[in-house]
Protein backbone atom coordinates (compact mmCIF):
# COMPACT_ATOMS: atom_id res chain seq x y z
CA UNK A 1 -17.16 22.10 24.87
CA UNK A 2 -20.04 22.03 22.39
CA UNK A 3 -17.68 23.31 19.70
CA UNK A 4 -15.20 20.49 20.39
CA UNK A 5 -17.97 17.90 20.22
CA UNK A 6 -19.22 19.34 16.92
CA UNK A 7 -15.67 19.33 15.53
CA UNK A 8 -15.18 15.67 16.50
CA UNK A 9 -18.52 14.72 14.93
CA UNK A 10 -17.67 16.60 11.73
CA UNK A 11 -14.24 14.91 11.56
CA UNK A 12 -15.77 11.46 11.98
CA UNK A 13 -18.37 12.19 9.30
CA UNK A 14 -15.76 13.58 6.88
CA UNK A 15 -13.53 10.55 7.47
CA UNK A 16 -16.39 8.17 6.75
CA UNK A 17 -17.33 10.02 3.54
CA UNK A 18 -13.70 9.96 2.34
CA UNK A 19 -13.37 6.25 3.15
CA UNK A 20 -16.57 5.42 1.21
CA UNK A 21 -15.46 7.56 -1.73
CA UNK A 22 -12.03 5.81 -1.86
CA UNK A 23 -13.71 2.41 -1.63
CA UNK A 24 -16.01 3.25 -4.53
CA UNK A 25 -13.08 4.46 -6.66
CA UNK A 26 -11.16 1.25 -5.90
CA UNK A 27 -14.16 -0.90 -6.86
CA UNK A 28 -14.69 1.08 -10.04
CA UNK A 29 -11.01 0.61 -10.91
CA UNK A 30 -11.35 -3.15 -10.37
CA UNK A 31 -8.75 -3.28 -7.61
CA UNK A 32 -9.18 -5.74 -4.76
CA UNK A 33 -9.47 -4.56 -1.18
CA UNK A 34 -6.14 -3.88 0.49
CA UNK A 35 -3.35 -1.37 0.35
CA UNK A 36 -1.72 -0.45 -2.94
CA UNK A 37 1.93 -1.44 -2.46
CA UNK A 38 3.15 -0.58 -5.94
CA UNK A 39 1.91 1.57 -8.80
CA UNK A 40 3.61 2.17 -12.12
CA UNK A 41 3.08 5.77 -13.14
CA UNK A 42 4.30 4.99 -16.67
CA UNK A 43 7.20 7.43 -16.38
CA UNK A 44 9.91 4.77 -15.98
CA UNK A 45 10.64 5.80 -12.40
CA UNK A 46 8.82 2.93 -10.71
CA UNK A 47 11.30 0.24 -9.69
CA UNK A 48 11.54 -2.85 -11.84
CA UNK A 49 10.64 -6.15 -10.24
CA UNK A 50 13.53 -8.48 -11.09
CA UNK A 51 14.28 -12.18 -11.00
CA UNK A 52 17.86 -13.28 -11.68
CA UNK A 53 16.76 -16.90 -11.52
CA UNK A 54 14.41 -16.50 -14.49
CA UNK A 55 16.23 -13.57 -16.18
CA UNK A 56 12.98 -11.66 -16.06
CA UNK A 57 11.99 -8.13 -15.10
CA UNK A 58 8.90 -6.00 -15.37
CA UNK A 59 6.63 -3.31 -13.97
CA UNK A 60 3.05 -4.30 -13.20
CA UNK A 61 0.54 -1.48 -13.24
CA UNK A 62 -0.40 -2.14 -9.60
CA UNK A 63 0.40 -4.53 -6.79
CA UNK A 64 -2.25 -4.65 -4.07
CA UNK A 65 -1.63 -6.28 -0.72
CA UNK A 66 -4.56 -8.47 0.22
CA UNK A 67 -3.89 -10.05 3.60
CA UNK A 68 -0.45 -11.64 3.26
CA UNK A 69 -0.63 -11.88 -0.55
CA UNK A 70 0.58 -9.37 -3.13
CA UNK A 71 -1.82 -9.31 -6.09
CA UNK A 72 -0.64 -7.92 -9.47
CA UNK A 73 -3.11 -5.87 -11.49
CA UNK A 74 -2.51 -5.24 -15.18
CA UNK A 75 -4.65 -2.54 -16.84
CA UNK A 76 -5.61 -3.00 -20.49
CA UNK A 77 -7.52 -0.65 -22.75
CA UNK A 78 -10.63 -1.83 -24.49
CA UNK A 79 -13.44 -4.08 -23.39
CA UNK A 80 -12.74 -7.52 -22.00
CA UNK A 81 -12.72 -10.44 -24.42
CA UNK A 82 -14.77 -13.53 -23.54
CA UNK A 83 -11.53 -15.05 -22.24
CA UNK A 84 -8.30 -13.10 -21.73
CA UNK A 85 -5.82 -13.19 -24.60
CA UNK A 86 -2.89 -15.56 -24.05
CA UNK A 87 -0.47 -12.64 -24.23
CA UNK A 88 -2.37 -10.85 -21.43
CA UNK A 89 -2.49 -14.01 -19.30
CA UNK A 90 1.23 -14.66 -19.76
CA UNK A 91 2.13 -11.05 -19.00
CA UNK A 92 0.12 -11.27 -15.78
CA UNK A 93 1.73 -14.66 -15.00
CA UNK A 94 5.16 -13.05 -15.43
CA UNK A 95 4.23 -10.45 -12.81
CA UNK A 96 2.99 -13.24 -10.52
CA UNK A 97 6.32 -15.02 -10.96
CA UNK A 98 8.23 -11.81 -10.23
CA UNK A 99 6.18 -11.28 -7.07
CA UNK A 100 6.79 -14.89 -6.10
CA UNK A 101 10.54 -14.31 -6.48
CA UNK A 102 10.72 -10.89 -4.80
CA UNK A 103 8.14 -11.34 -2.02
CA UNK A 104 8.87 -15.01 -1.37
CA UNK A 105 5.25 -16.07 -1.82
CA UNK A 106 3.24 -16.66 -4.98
CA UNK A 107 0.01 -14.72 -5.34
CA UNK A 108 -3.05 -16.95 -5.66
CA UNK A 109 -4.29 -14.89 -8.62
CA UNK A 110 -3.77 -11.73 -10.61
CA UNK A 111 -6.23 -9.31 -12.19
CA UNK A 112 -6.44 -8.05 -15.75
CA UNK A 113 -8.47 -4.83 -15.63
CA UNK A 114 -10.22 -4.04 -18.90
CA UNK A 115 -12.32 -0.91 -19.49
CA UNK A 116 -15.61 -2.68 -18.81
CA UNK A 117 -14.62 -5.20 -16.13
CA UNK A 118 -11.79 -6.90 -14.31
CA UNK A 119 -10.96 -10.57 -14.91
CA UNK A 120 -9.42 -12.58 -12.09
CA UNK A 121 -6.84 -15.07 -13.42
CA UNK A 122 -5.78 -17.88 -11.06
CA UNK A 123 -2.01 -18.23 -10.77
CA UNK A 124 -1.79 -22.00 -10.59
CA UNK A 125 0.79 -24.64 -11.55
CA UNK A 126 -0.59 -24.92 -15.08
CA UNK A 127 -0.25 -21.19 -15.81
CA UNK A 128 3.19 -21.10 -14.19
CA UNK A 129 4.35 -24.03 -16.41
CA UNK A 130 2.90 -22.35 -19.50
CA UNK A 131 4.83 -19.17 -18.67
CA UNK A 132 8.11 -21.03 -18.05
CA UNK A 133 7.72 -22.90 -21.37
CA UNK A 134 7.06 -19.61 -23.20
CA UNK A 135 10.14 -18.03 -21.59
CA UNK A 136 12.27 -21.02 -22.61
CA UNK A 137 10.98 -20.86 -26.19
CA UNK A 138 11.76 -17.13 -26.33
CA UNK A 139 15.30 -17.73 -25.01
CA UNK A 140 15.91 -20.49 -27.59
CA UNK A 141 14.88 -18.17 -30.42
CA UNK A 142 17.04 -15.33 -29.08
CA UNK A 143 20.13 -17.54 -28.64
CA UNK A 144 19.71 -19.05 -32.12
CA UNK A 145 19.16 -15.61 -33.68
CA UNK A 146 15.89 -16.89 -35.10
CA UNK A 147 12.72 -14.87 -35.24
CA UNK A 148 9.80 -16.22 -33.26
CA UNK A 149 6.83 -17.62 -35.19
CA UNK A 150 5.08 -14.77 -37.01
CA UNK A 151 2.13 -13.13 -35.32
CA UNK A 152 -1.29 -13.10 -36.90
CA UNK A 153 -1.48 -9.40 -36.06
CA UNK A 154 0.06 -7.03 -38.63
CA UNK A 155 0.19 -4.33 -35.94
CA UNK A 156 2.37 -6.54 -33.75
CA UNK A 157 4.57 -7.46 -36.71
CA UNK A 158 5.18 -3.78 -37.51
CA UNK A 159 6.68 -3.22 -34.04
CA UNK A 160 8.61 -6.52 -33.82
CA UNK A 161 12.37 -6.47 -33.41
CA UNK A 162 12.63 -9.31 -35.93
CA UNK A 163 10.60 -7.59 -38.67
CA UNK A 164 13.68 -7.11 -40.90
CA UNK A 165 14.50 -10.87 -41.02
CA UNK A 166 11.01 -12.37 -40.77
CA UNK A 167 9.73 -14.43 -43.69
CA UNK A 168 6.15 -13.20 -43.27
């Protein structure tokens, strides 16, 4: 009987230690509380989130369920800028839109996780409009066979699909 009691006490203690350890790892990773519902391992085997309505697809790094909301988390290398880059915000907004389409409910925000800290980005009407305008501009350029406006980043230009016809 004493052995059984000691075993139950040990199990409860071990469970508590594991729970605290997992919580600390989640906080360190910048993930919100809740169950991880999706994780992209980077091997191409994670399912694509798709929207036929917006002709959009993508794989967020994580989707965490927080209550009834699914929150996308995009992980970026390097320290956080003072404000997130537009490209990072729009990428996160695209994942919010994909979640809105696939889960039937828009997330209230998404998270961009930089090396030094996470940044919570509200997914509001203004960001959604900005994303839809950017998607429309991209489609216009693609249909017209025109390159998009040149980037200020030579690194981005080197990897651009329009590099061979760009006037830059």
